[in-house]
Amino acid sequence: MKKIEAIIKPFKLDEVKEALQEVGLQGITVTEAKGFGRQKGHTELYRGAEYVVDFLPKVKIEVVLADDMVEKAVEALLRAAQTGRIGDGKIFVSSIEEAIRIRTGETGLDAI
């Protein structure tokens, strides 16, 4: 099993969700996040005073899936989340040792 974590621009969430559903993924976890990378922050003017906005709004998507689904899911994420501009985000893939469904006690792939 693998876990895909993707940090994307908030307005791309619906497109990404639909793209993941199209490749057969059913469950995702979405968290609002703030952060920056190369995009850094930007300066804004508020009531005549300048201030720096260091952290930009992002959305973090987490999906746990079977190993054979990873390539399709990553391709779907790339296709749906990419705008071609700085700040499009990142995708991280990591291994999951075990998954357990709390309600039934099912483990492994049966739990996801």
PDB file of N, CA and C in Angstrom:
ATOM      1  N   MET A   1       0.837  -1.188   0.000  1.00  0.00           N
ATOM      2  CA  MET A   1       0.000   0.000   0.000  1.00  0.00           C
ATOM      3  C   MET A   1       0.874   1.240   0.000  1.00  0.00           C
ATOM      4  N   LYS A   2       0.368   2.270  -0.606  1.00  0.00           N
ATOM      5  CA  LYS A   2       1.074   3.547  -0.663  1.00  0.00           C
ATOM      6  C   LYS A   2       0.147   4.658  -0.197  1.00  0.00           C
ATOM      7  N   LYS A   3       0.758   5.764   0.230  1.00  0.00           N
ATOM      8  CA  LYS A   3       0.013   6.965   0.583  1.00  0.00           C
ATOM      9  C   LYS A   3       0.495   8.075  -0.326  1.00  0.00           C
ATOM     10  N   ILE A   4      -0.467   8.737  -0.978  1.00  0.00           N
ATOM     11  CA  ILE A   4      -0.148   9.898  -1.796  1.00  0.00           C
ATOM     12  C   ILE A   4      -0.626  11.124  -1.043  1.00  0.00           C
ATOM     13  N   GLU A   5       0.282  12.071  -0.861  1.00  0.00           N
ATOM     14  CA  GLU A   5      -0.065  13.373  -0.293  1.00  0.00           C
ATOM     15  C   GLU A   5       0.206  14.405  -1.371  1.00  0.00           C
ATOM     16  N   ALA A   6      -0.767  15.240  -1.630  1.00  0.00           N
ATOM     17  CA  ALA A   6      -0.605  16.276  -2.647  1.00  0.00           C
ATOM     18  C   ALA A   6      -0.992  17.618  -2.052  1.00  0.00           C
ATOM     19  N   ILE A   7      -0.142  18.599  -2.268  1.00  0.00           N
ATOM     20  CA  ILE A   7      -0.422  19.973  -1.861  1.00  0.00           C
ATOM     21  C   ILE A   7      -0.761  20.722  -3.151  1.00  0.00           C
ATOM     22  N   ILE A   8      -1.973  21.258  -3.231  1.00  0.00           N
ATOM     23  CA  ILE A   8      -2.416  21.895  -4.471  1.00  0.00           C
ATOM     24  C   ILE A   8      -3.054  23.256  -4.185  1.00  0.00           C
ATOM     25  N   LYS A   9      -3.308  23.988  -5.262  1.00  0.00           N
ATOM     26  CA  LYS A   9      -4.027  25.256  -5.138  1.00  0.00           C
ATOM     27  C   LYS A   9      -5.499  24.954  -4.844  1.00  0.00           C
ATOM     28  N   PRO A  10      -6.120  25.711  -3.943  1.00  0.00           N
ATOM     29  CA  PRO A  10      -7.496  25.413  -3.529  1.00  0.00           C
ATOM     30  C   PRO A  10      -8.512  25.353  -4.667  1.00  0.00           C
ATOM     31  N   PHE A  11      -8.375  26.216  -5.675  1.00  0.00           N
ATOM     32  CA  PHE A  11      -9.375  26.235  -6.736  1.00  0.00           C
ATOM     33  C   PHE A  11      -9.292  25.020  -7.660  1.00  0.00           C
ATOM     34  N   LYS A  12      -8.268  24.181  -7.482  1.00  0.00           N
ATOM     35  CA  LYS A  12      -8.109  22.976  -8.296  1.00  0.00           C
ATOM     36  C   LYS A  12      -8.715  21.738  -7.620  1.00  0.00           C
ATOM     37  N   LEU A  13      -9.249  21.888  -6.418  1.00  0.00           N
ATOM     38  CA  LEU A  13      -9.723  20.739  -5.651  1.00  0.00           C
ATOM     39  C   LEU A  13     -10.797  19.938  -6.389  1.00  0.00           C
ATOM     40  N   ASP A  14     -11.812  20.589  -6.915  1.00  0.00           N
ATOM     41  CA  ASP A  14     -12.892  19.858  -7.585  1.00  0.00           C
ATOM     42  C   ASP A  14     -12.382  19.073  -8.787  1.00  0.00           C
ATOM     43  N   GLU A  15     -11.506  19.677  -9.581  1.00  0.00           N
ATOM     44  CA  GLU A  15     -10.943  18.985 -10.742  1.00  0.00           C
ATOM     45  C   GLU A  15     -10.134  17.764 -10.319  1.00  0.00           C
ATOM     46  N   VAL A  16      -9.345  17.912  -9.245  1.00  0.00           N
ATOM     47  CA  VAL A  16      -8.520  16.811  -8.760  1.00  0.00           C
ATOM     48  C   VAL A  16      -9.406  15.688  -8.223  1.00  0.00           C
ATOM     49  N   LYS A  17     -10.427  16.041  -7.466  1.00  0.00           N
ATOM     50  CA  LYS A  17     -11.341  15.038  -6.918  1.00  0.00           C
ATOM     51  C   LYS A  17     -11.991  14.239  -8.045  1.00  0.00           C
ATOM     52  N   GLU A  18     -12.475  14.911  -9.067  1.00  0.00           N
ATOM     53  CA  GLU A  18     -13.101  14.228 -10.199  1.00  0.00           C
ATOM     54  C   GLU A  18     -12.104  13.337 -10.939  1.00  0.00           C
ATOM     55  N   ALA A  19     -10.876  13.822 -11.117  1.00  0.00           N
ATOM     56  CA  ALA A  19      -9.851  13.041 -11.815  1.00  0.00           C
ATOM     57  C   ALA A  19      -9.508  11.772 -11.042  1.00  0.00           C
ATOM     58  N   LEU A  20      -9.429  11.862  -9.727  1.00  0.00           N
ATOM     59  CA  LEU A  20      -9.132  10.686  -8.901  1.00  0.00           C
ATOM     60  C   LEU A  20     -10.291   9.690  -8.933  1.00  0.00           C
ATOM     61  N   GLN A  21     -11.515  10.194  -8.934  1.00  0.00           N
ATOM     62  CA  GLN A  21     -12.673   9.303  -9.022  1.00  0.00           C
ATOM     63  C   GLN A  21     -12.701   8.586 -10.364  1.00  0.00           C
ATOM     64  N   GLU A  22     -12.314   9.267 -11.425  1.00  0.00           N
ATOM     65  CA  GLU A  22     -12.305   8.670 -12.763  1.00  0.00           C
ATOM     66  C   GLU A  22     -11.338   7.493 -12.874  1.00  0.00           C
ATOM     67  N   VAL A  23     -10.239   7.520 -12.109  1.00  0.00           N
ATOM     68  CA  VAL A  23      -9.284   6.398 -12.163  1.00  0.00           C
ATOM     69  C   VAL A  23      -9.624   5.312 -11.142  1.00  0.00           C
ATOM     70  N   GLY A  24     -10.729   5.484 -10.421  1.00  0.00           N
ATOM     71  CA  GLY A  24     -11.204   4.414  -9.544  1.00  0.00           C
ATOM     72  C   GLY A  24     -10.961   4.599  -8.061  1.00  0.00           C
ATOM     73  N   LEU A  25     -10.492   5.763  -7.638  1.00  0.00           N
ATOM     74  CA  LEU A  25     -10.285   5.986  -6.204  1.00  0.00           C
ATOM     75  C   LEU A  25     -11.573   6.478  -5.571  1.00  0.00           C
ATOM     76  N   GLN A  26     -11.883   5.952  -4.387  1.00  0.00           N
ATOM     77  CA  GLN A  26     -13.150   6.290  -3.767  1.00  0.00           C
ATOM     78  C   GLN A  26     -13.018   7.242  -2.595  1.00  0.00           C
ATOM     79  N   GLY A  27     -12.012   7.074  -1.762  1.00  0.00           N
ATOM     80  CA  GLY A  27     -11.916   7.898  -0.567  1.00  0.00           C
ATOM     81  C   GLY A  27     -10.685   8.778  -0.558  1.00  0.00           C
ATOM     82  N   ILE A  28     -10.885  10.047  -0.219  1.00  0.00           N
ATOM     83  CA  ILE A  28      -9.760  10.961  -0.051  1.00  0.00           C
ATOM     84  C   ILE A  28      -9.993  11.783   1.209  1.00  0.00           C
ATOM     85  N   THR A  29      -8.919  12.265   1.769  1.00  0.00           N
ATOM     86  CA  THR A  29      -8.991  13.179   2.903  1.00  0.00           C
ATOM     87  C   THR A  29      -8.457  14.521   2.433  1.00  0.00           C
ATOM     88  N   VAL A  30      -9.183  15.588   2.751  1.00  0.00           N
ATOM     89  CA  VAL A  30      -8.799  16.928   2.325  1.00  0.00           C
ATOM     90  C   VAL A  30      -8.641  17.810   3.562  1.00  0.00           C
ATOM     91  N   THR A  31      -7.544  18.539   3.622  1.00  0.00           N
ATOM     92  CA  THR A  31      -7.252  19.435   4.732  1.00  0.00           C
ATOM     93  C   THR A  31      -6.855  20.792   4.183  1.00  0.00           C
ATOM     94  N   GLU A  32      -7.389  21.853   4.771  1.00  0.00           N
ATOM     95  CA  GLU A  32      -6.928  23.186   4.397  1.00  0.00           C
ATOM     96  C   GLU A  32      -5.557  23.395   5.009  1.00  0.00           C
ATOM     97  N   ALA A  33      -4.663  23.991   4.235  1.00  0.00           N
ATOM     98  CA  ALA A  33      -3.295  24.192   4.706  1.00  0.00           C
ATOM     99  C   ALA A  33      -2.804  25.567   4.265  1.00  0.00           C
ATOM    100  N   LYS A  34      -1.715  26.006   4.866  1.00  0.00           N
ATOM    101  CA  LYS A  34      -1.050  27.236   4.447  1.00  0.00           C
ATOM    102  C   LYS A  34       0.428  26.928   4.355  1.00  0.00           C
ATOM    103  N   GLY A  35       1.080  27.523   3.371  1.00  0.00           N
ATOM    104  CA  GLY A  35       2.500  27.268   3.233  1.00  0.00           C
ATOM    105  C   GLY A  35       3.087  28.036   2.064  1.00  0.00           C
ATOM    106  N   PHE A  36       4.377  27.827   1.851  1.00  0.00           N
ATOM    107  CA  PHE A  36       5.044  28.419   0.692  1.00  0.00           C
ATOM    108  C   PHE A  36       6.273  27.610   0.362  1.00  0.00           C
ATOM    109  N   GLY A  37       6.677  27.698  -0.874  1.00  0.00           N
ATOM    110  CA  GLY A  37       7.908  27.082  -1.353  1.00  0.00           C
ATOM    111  C   GLY A  37       8.640  28.140  -2.142  1.00  0.00           C
ATOM    112  N   ARG A  38       8.918  27.830  -3.400  1.00  0.00           N
ATOM    113  CA  ARG A  38       9.569  28.821  -4.253  1.00  0.00           C
ATOM    114  C   ARG A  38       8.673  30.022  -4.497  1.00  0.00           C
ATOM    115  N   GLN A  39       7.377  29.793  -4.394  1.00  0.00           N
ATOM    116  CA  GLN A  39       6.414  30.868  -4.622  1.00  0.00           C
ATOM    117  C   GLN A  39       6.604  31.989  -3.606  1.00  0.00           C
ATOM    118  N   LYS A  40       7.093  31.633  -2.437  1.00  0.00           N
ATOM    119  CA  LYS A  40       7.288  32.552  -1.321  1.00  0.00           C
ATOM    120  C   LYS A  40       5.983  33.284  -1.021  1.00  0.00           C
ATOM    121  N   GLY A  41       6.064  34.349  -0.314  1.00  0.00           N
ATOM    122  CA  GLY A  41       4.868  35.126  -0.010  1.00  0.00           C
ATOM    123  C   GLY A  41       4.771  36.309  -0.948  1.00  0.00           C
ATOM    124  N   HIS A  42       3.938  37.238  -0.580  1.00  0.00           N
ATOM    125  CA  HIS A  42       3.834  38.461  -1.356  1.00  0.00           C
ATOM    126  C   HIS A  42       3.449  39.598  -0.417  1.00  0.00           C
ATOM    127  N   THR A  43       3.631  40.816  -0.876  1.00  0.00           N
ATOM    128  CA  THR A  43       3.328  41.996  -0.065  1.00  0.00           C
ATOM    129  C   THR A  43       1.953  42.525  -0.444  1.00  0.00           C
ATOM    130  N   GLU A  44       1.169  42.865   0.559  1.00  0.00           N
ATOM    131  CA  GLU A  44      -0.156  43.443   0.313  1.00  0.00           C
ATOM    132  C   GLU A  44      -0.266  44.765   1.059  1.00  0.00           C
ATOM    133  N   LEU A  45      -1.185  45.564   0.599  1.00  0.00           N
ATOM    134  CA  LEU A  45      -1.442  46.856   1.213  1.00  0.00           C
ATOM    135  C   LEU A  45      -2.789  46.787   1.929  1.00  0.00           C
ATOM    136  N   TYR A  46      -2.815  47.123   3.223  1.00  0.00           N
ATOM    137  CA  TYR A  46      -4.060  47.111   3.984  1.00  0.00           C
ATOM    138  C   TYR A  46      -4.144  48.400   4.789  1.00  0.00           C
ATOM    139  N   ARG A  47      -5.156  49.196   4.498  1.00  0.00           N
ATOM    140  CA  ARG A  47      -5.352  50.481   5.174  1.00  0.00           C
ATOM    141  C   ARG A  47      -4.085  51.326   5.183  1.00  0.00           C
ATOM    142  N   GLY A  48      -3.428  51.349   4.043  1.00  0.00           N
ATOM    143  CA  GLY A  48      -2.257  52.192   3.888  1.00  0.00           C
ATOM    144  C   GLY A  48      -0.963  51.594   4.412  1.00  0.00           C
ATOM    145  N   ALA A  49      -1.041  50.429   5.039  1.00  0.00           N
ATOM    146  CA  ALA A  49       0.175  49.811   5.583  1.00  0.00           C
ATOM    147  C   ALA A  49       0.523  48.569   4.761  1.00  0.00           C
ATOM    148  N   GLU A  50       1.803  48.406   4.457  1.00  0.00           N
ATOM    149  CA  GLU A  50       2.257  47.219   3.744  1.00  0.00           C
ATOM    150  C   GLU A  50       2.534  46.115   4.740  1.00  0.00           C
ATOM    151  N   TYR A  51       2.157  44.898   4.372  1.00  0.00           N
ATOM    152  CA  TYR A  51       2.541  43.758   5.193  1.00  0.00           C
ATOM    153  C   TYR A  51       2.791  42.560   4.280  1.00  0.00           C
ATOM    154  N   VAL A  52       3.585  41.623   4.793  1.00  0.00           N
ATOM    155  CA  VAL A  52       3.989  40.460   4.007  1.00  0.00           C
ATOM    156  C   VAL A  52       3.075  39.287   4.338  1.00  0.00           C
ATOM    157  N   VAL A  53       2.521  38.679   3.296  1.00  0.00           N
ATOM    158  CA  VAL A  53       1.739  37.455   3.460  1.00  0.00           C
ATOM    159  C   VAL A  53       2.704  36.308   3.178  1.00  0.00           C
ATOM    160  N   ASP A  54       3.196  35.669   4.262  1.00  0.00           N
ATOM    161  CA  ASP A  54       4.192  34.606   4.119  1.00  0.00           C
ATOM    162  C   ASP A  54       3.570  33.288   3.671  1.00  0.00           C
ATOM    163  N   PHE A  55       2.428  32.944   4.239  1.00  0.00           N
ATOM    164  CA  PHE A  55       1.828  31.649   3.991  1.00  0.00           C
ATOM    165  C   PHE A  55       0.621  31.801   3.074  1.00  0.00           C
ATOM    166  N   LEU A  56       0.636  31.047   1.999  1.00  0.00           N
ATOM    167  CA  LEU A  56      -0.426  31.110   1.007  1.00  0.00           C
ATOM    168  C   LEU A  56      -1.404  29.950   1.217  1.00  0.00           C
ATOM    169  N   PRO A  57      -2.672  30.154   0.930  1.00  0.00           N
ATOM    170  CA  PRO A  57      -3.646  29.079   1.128  1.00  0.00           C
ATOM    171  C   PRO A  57      -3.402  27.930   0.150  1.00  0.00           C
ATOM    172  N   LYS A  58      -3.445  26.731   0.673  1.00  0.00           N
ATOM    173  CA  LYS A  58      -3.266  25.502  -0.107  1.00  0.00           C
ATOM    174  C   LYS A  58      -4.278  24.478   0.388  1.00  0.00           C
ATOM    175  N   VAL A  59      -4.380  23.372  -0.325  1.00  0.00           N
ATOM    176  CA  VAL A  59      -5.198  22.242   0.094  1.00  0.00           C
ATOM    177  C   VAL A  59      -4.305  21.013   0.067  1.00  0.00           C
ATOM    178  N   LYS A  60      -4.398  20.210   1.127  1.00  0.00           N
ATOM    179  CA  LYS A  60      -3.626  18.964   1.195  1.00  0.00           C
ATOM    180  C   LYS A  60      -4.595  17.803   1.005  1.00  0.00           C
ATOM    181  N   ILE A  61      -4.288  16.959   0.040  1.00  0.00           N
ATOM    182  CA  ILE A  61      -5.099  15.781  -0.246  1.00  0.00           C
ATOM    183  C   ILE A  61      -4.290  14.550   0.140  1.00  0.00           C
ATOM    184  N   GLU A  62      -4.927  13.623   0.845  1.00  0.00           N
ATOM    185  CA  GLU A  62      -4.278  12.371   1.223  1.00  0.00           C
ATOM    186  C   GLU A  62      -5.112  11.199   0.726  1.00  0.00           C
ATOM    187  N   VAL A  63      -4.429  10.226   0.128  1.00  0.00           N
ATOM    188  CA  VAL A  63      -5.087   9.026  -0.389  1.00  0.00           C
ATOM    189  C   VAL A  63      -4.206   7.826  -0.070  1.00  0.00           C
ATOM    190  N   VAL A  64      -4.801   6.770   0.474  1.00  0.00           N
ATOM    191  CA  VAL A  64      -4.086   5.511   0.658  1.00  0.00           C
ATOM    192  C   VAL A  64      -4.670   4.528  -0.352  1.00  0.00           C
ATOM    193  N   LEU A  65      -3.785   3.855  -1.095  1.00  0.00           N
ATOM    194  CA  LEU A  65      -4.248   3.013  -2.186  1.00  0.00           C
ATOM    195  C   LEU A  65      -3.310   1.837  -2.414  1.00  0.00           C
ATOM    196  N   ALA A  66      -3.768   0.895  -3.237  1.00  0.00           N
ATOM    197  CA  ALA A  66      -2.947  -0.262  -3.598  1.00  0.00           C
ATOM    198  C   ALA A  66      -1.785   0.194  -4.469  1.00  0.00           C
ATOM    199  N   ASP A  67      -0.671  -0.534  -4.376  1.00  0.00           N
ATOM    200  CA  ASP A  67       0.535  -0.182  -5.135  1.00  0.00           C
ATOM    201  C   ASP A  67       0.268  -0.037  -6.632  1.00  0.00           C
ATOM    202  N   ASP A  68      -0.582  -0.897  -7.183  1.00  0.00           N
ATOM    203  CA  ASP A  68      -0.803  -0.879  -8.632  1.00  0.00           C
ATOM    204  C   ASP A  68      -1.647   0.307  -9.105  1.00  0.00           C
ATOM    205  N   MET A  69      -2.193   1.088  -8.190  1.00  0.00           N
ATOM    206  CA  MET A  69      -2.999   2.262  -8.538  1.00  0.00           C
ATOM    207  C   MET A  69      -2.203   3.562  -8.497  1.00  0.00           C
ATOM    208  N   VAL A  70      -0.988   3.517  -7.965  1.00  0.00           N
ATOM    209  CA  VAL A  70      -0.215   4.734  -7.714  1.00  0.00           C
ATOM    210  C   VAL A  70       0.057   5.517  -8.997  1.00  0.00           C
ATOM    211  N   GLU A  71       0.517   4.847 -10.027  1.00  0.00           N
ATOM    212  CA  GLU A  71       0.874   5.547 -11.267  1.00  0.00           C
ATOM    213  C   GLU A  71      -0.333   6.264 -11.868  1.00  0.00           C
ATOM    214  N   LYS A  72      -1.485   5.582 -11.925  1.00  0.00           N
ATOM    215  CA  LYS A  72      -2.707   6.203 -12.465  1.00  0.00           C
ATOM    216  C   LYS A  72      -3.115   7.411 -11.628  1.00  0.00           C
ATOM    217  N   ALA A  73      -3.032   7.279 -10.305  1.00  0.00           N
ATOM    218  CA  ALA A  73      -3.446   8.367  -9.419  1.00  0.00           C
ATOM    219  C   ALA A  73      -2.523   9.570  -9.551  1.00  0.00           C
ATOM    220  N   VAL A  74      -1.223   9.340  -9.633  1.00  0.00           N
ATOM    221  CA  VAL A  74      -0.268  10.437  -9.777  1.00  0.00           C
ATOM    222  C   VAL A  74      -0.477  11.153 -11.112  1.00  0.00           C
ATOM    223  N   GLU A  75      -0.684  10.385 -12.173  1.00  0.00           N
ATOM    224  CA  GLU A  75      -0.942  10.999 -13.481  1.00  0.00           C
ATOM    225  C   GLU A  75      -2.213  11.845 -13.452  1.00  0.00           C
ATOM    226  N   ALA A  76      -3.261  11.336 -12.789  1.00  0.00           N
ATOM    227  CA  ALA A  76      -4.523  12.079 -12.679  1.00  0.00           C
ATOM    228  C   ALA A  76      -4.317  13.370 -11.890  1.00  0.00           C
ATOM    229  N   LEU A  77      -3.556  13.290 -10.805  1.00  0.00           N
ATOM    230  CA  LEU A  77      -3.251  14.475 -10.002  1.00  0.00           C
ATOM    231  C   LEU A  77      -2.494  15.513 -10.815  1.00  0.00           C
ATOM    232  N   LEU A  78      -1.471  15.075 -11.515  1.00  0.00           N
ATOM    233  CA  LEU A  78      -0.676  15.999 -12.327  1.00  0.00           C
ATOM    234  C   LEU A  78      -1.531  16.692 -13.377  1.00  0.00           C
ATOM    235  N   ARG A  79      -2.345  15.909 -14.062  1.00  0.00           N
ATOM    236  CA  ARG A  79      -3.183  16.447 -15.132  1.00  0.00           C
ATOM    237  C   ARG A  79      -4.192  17.464 -14.589  1.00  0.00           C
ATOM    238  N   ALA A  80      -4.805  17.155 -13.446  1.00  0.00           N
ATOM    239  CA  ALA A  80      -5.876  18.000 -12.918  1.00  0.00           C
ATOM    240  C   ALA A  80      -5.379  19.212 -12.135  1.00  0.00           C
ATOM    241  N   ALA A  81      -4.234  19.103 -11.480  1.00  0.00           N
ATOM    242  CA  ALA A  81      -3.783  20.174 -10.590  1.00  0.00           C
ATOM    243  C   ALA A  81      -2.861  21.184 -11.262  1.00  0.00           C
ATOM    244  N   GLN A  82      -2.307  20.836 -12.406  1.00  0.00           N
ATOM    245  CA  GLN A  82      -1.302  21.693 -13.031  1.00  0.00           C
ATOM    246  C   GLN A  82      -1.919  22.913 -13.708  1.00  0.00           C
ATOM    247  N   THR A  83      -1.353  24.080 -13.396  1.00  0.00           N
ATOM    248  CA  THR A  83      -1.735  25.309 -14.094  1.00  0.00           C
ATOM    249  C   THR A  83      -0.569  25.815 -14.940  1.00  0.00           C
ATOM    250  N   GLY A  84       0.640  25.334 -14.635  1.00  0.00           N
ATOM    251  CA  GLY A  84       1.828  25.800 -15.341  1.00  0.00           C
ATOM    252  C   GLY A  84       2.473  26.999 -14.672  1.00  0.00           C
ATOM    253  N   ARG A  85       1.886  27.450 -13.573  1.00  0.00           N
ATOM    254  CA  ARG A  85       2.432  28.605 -12.854  1.00  0.00           C
ATOM    255  C   ARG A  85       3.123  28.147 -11.575  1.00  0.00           C
ATOM    256  N   ILE A  86       3.969  28.997 -11.066  1.00  0.00           N
ATOM    257  CA  ILE A  86       4.644  28.711  -9.807  1.00  0.00           C
ATOM    258  C   ILE A  86       3.590  28.543  -8.707  1.00  0.00           C
ATOM    259  N   GLY A  87       3.840  27.607  -7.802  1.00  0.00           N
ATOM    260  CA  GLY A  87       2.902  27.374  -6.705  1.00  0.00           C
ATOM    261  C   GLY A  87       1.875  26.295  -6.980  1.00  0.00           C
ATOM    262  N   ASP A  88       2.037  25.532  -8.074  1.00  0.00           N
ATOM    263  CA  ASP A  88       1.080  24.457  -8.381  1.00  0.00           C
ATOM    264  C   ASP A  88       1.066  23.380  -7.310  1.00  0.00           C
ATOM    265  N   GLY A  89       2.166  23.198  -6.605  1.00  0.00           N
ATOM    266  CA  GLY A  89       2.177  22.258  -5.488  1.00  0.00           C
ATOM    267  C   GLY A  89       3.165  21.127  -5.655  1.00  0.00           C
ATOM    268  N   LYS A  90       2.978  20.113  -4.813  1.00  0.00           N
ATOM    269  CA  LYS A  90       3.871  18.954  -4.778  1.00  0.00           C
ATOM    270  C   LYS A  90       3.041  17.698  -4.564  1.00  0.00           C
ATOM    271  N   ILE A  91       3.611  16.565  -4.996  1.00  0.00           N
ATOM    272  CA  ILE A  91       3.018  15.249  -4.735  1.00  0.00           C
ATOM    273  C   ILE A  91       4.084  14.412  -4.050  1.00  0.00           C
ATOM    274  N   PHE A  92       3.708  13.770  -2.949  1.00  0.00           N
ATOM    275  CA  PHE A  92       4.612  12.891  -2.207  1.00  0.00           C
ATOM    276  C   PHE A  92       3.995  11.496  -2.162  1.00  0.00           C
ATOM    277  N   VAL A  93       4.817  10.476  -2.393  1.00  0.00           N
ATOM    278  CA  VAL A  93       4.357   9.095  -2.322  1.00  0.00           C
ATOM    279  C   VAL A  93       5.196   8.384  -1.275  1.00  0.00           C
ATOM    280  N   SER A  94       4.516   7.724  -0.328  1.00  0.00           N
ATOM    281  CA  SER A  94       5.233   6.998   0.721  1.00  0.00           C
ATOM    282  C   SER A  94       4.569   5.643   0.964  1.00  0.00           C
ATOM    283  N   SER A  95       5.302   4.753   1.600  1.00  0.00           N
ATOM    284  CA  SER A  95       4.790   3.408   1.890  1.00  0.00           C
ATOM    285  C   SER A  95       3.961   3.402   3.164  1.00  0.00           C
ATOM    286  N   ILE A  96       2.932   2.567   3.166  1.00  0.00           N
ATOM    287  CA  ILE A  96       2.091   2.370   4.341  1.00  0.00           C
ATOM    288  C   ILE A  96       2.267   0.926   4.788  1.00  0.00           C
ATOM    289  N   GLU A  97       2.596   0.736   6.053  1.00  0.00           N
ATOM    290  CA  GLU A  97       2.811  -0.617   6.561  1.00  0.00           C
ATOM    291  C   GLU A  97       1.506  -1.355   6.808  1.00  0.00           C
ATOM    292  N   GLU A  98       0.519  -0.658   7.340  1.00  0.00           N
ATOM    293  CA  GLU A  98      -0.729  -1.327   7.693  1.00  0.00           C
ATOM    294  C   GLU A  98      -1.876  -0.345   7.688  1.00  0.00           C
ATOM    295  N   ALA A  99      -3.060  -0.844   7.389  1.00  0.00           N
ATOM    296  CA  ALA A  99      -4.289  -0.056   7.470  1.00  0.00           C
ATOM    297  C   ALA A  99      -5.326  -0.916   8.178  1.00  0.00           C
ATOM    298  N   ILE A 100      -6.085  -0.313   9.076  1.00  0.00           N
ATOM    299  CA  ILE A 100      -7.099  -1.041   9.835  1.00  0.00           C
ATOM    300  C   ILE A 100      -8.381  -0.222   9.838  1.00  0.00           C
ATOM    301  N   ARG A 101      -9.475  -0.841   9.416  1.00  0.00           N
ATOM    302  CA  ARG A 101     -10.777  -0.180   9.466  1.00  0.00           C
ATOM    303  C   ARG A 101     -11.299  -0.332  10.896  1.00  0.00           C
ATOM    304  N   ILE A 102     -11.539   0.775  11.556  1.00  0.00           N
ATOM    305  CA  ILE A 102     -11.937   0.753  12.966  1.00  0.00           C
ATOM    306  C   ILE A 102     -13.270   0.025  13.164  1.00  0.00           C
ATOM    307  N   ARG A 103     -14.245   0.302  12.315  1.00  0.00           N
ATOM    308  CA  ARG A 103     -15.588  -0.264  12.493  1.00  0.00           C
ATOM    309  C   ARG A 103     -15.599  -1.790  12.461  1.00  0.00           C
ATOM    310  N   THR A 104     -14.869  -2.390  11.500  1.00  0.00           N
ATOM    311  CA  THR A 104     -14.961  -3.837  11.286  1.00  0.00           C
ATOM    312  C   THR A 104     -13.711  -4.613  11.704  1.00  0.00           C
ATOM    313  N   GLY A 105     -12.589  -3.914  11.867  1.00  0.00           N
ATOM    314  CA  GLY A 105     -11.339  -4.582  12.170  1.00  0.00           C
ATOM    315  C   GLY A 105     -10.630  -5.126  10.941  1.00  0.00           C
ATOM    316  N   GLU A 106     -11.175  -4.878   9.740  1.00  0.00           N
ATOM    317  CA  GLU A 106     -10.515  -5.341   8.515  1.00  0.00           C
ATOM    318  C   GLU A 106      -9.139  -4.696   8.419  1.00  0.00           C
ATOM    319  N   THR A 107      -8.206  -5.436   7.795  1.00  0.00           N
ATOM    320  CA  THR A 107      -6.832  -4.928   7.696  1.00  0.00           C
ATOM    321  C   THR A 107      -6.372  -4.937   6.245  1.00  0.00           C
ATOM    322  N   GLY A 108      -5.257  -4.273   6.012  1.00  0.00           N
ATOM    323  CA  GLY A 108      -4.633  -4.247   4.692  1.00  0.00           C
ATOM    324  C   GLY A 108      -5.516  -3.586   3.654  1.00  0.00           C
ATOM    325  N   LEU A 109      -5.477  -4.135   2.432  1.00  0.00           N
ATOM    326  CA  LEU A 109      -6.258  -3.551   1.333  1.00  0.00           C
ATOM    327  C   LEU A 109      -7.760  -3.608   1.589  1.00  0.00           C
ATOM    328  N   ASP A 110      -8.215  -4.584   2.372  1.00  0.00           N
ATOM    329  CA  ASP A 110      -9.648  -4.666   2.702  1.00  0.00           C
ATOM    330  C   ASP A 110     -10.097  -3.461   3.509  1.00  0.00           C
ATOM    331  N   ALA A 111      -9.177  -2.846   4.231  1.00  0.00           N
ATOM    332  CA  ALA A 111      -9.524  -1.700   5.092  1.00  0.00           C
ATOM    333  C   ALA A 111      -9.643  -0.407   4.301  1.00  0.00           C
ATOM    334  N   ILE A 112      -9.041  -0.372   3.119  1.00  0.00           N
ATOM    335  CA  ILE A 112      -9.128   0.869   2.340  1.00  0.00           C
ATOM    336  C   ILE A 112     -10.116   0.674   1.232  1.00  0.00           C
TER     337      ILE A 112
END
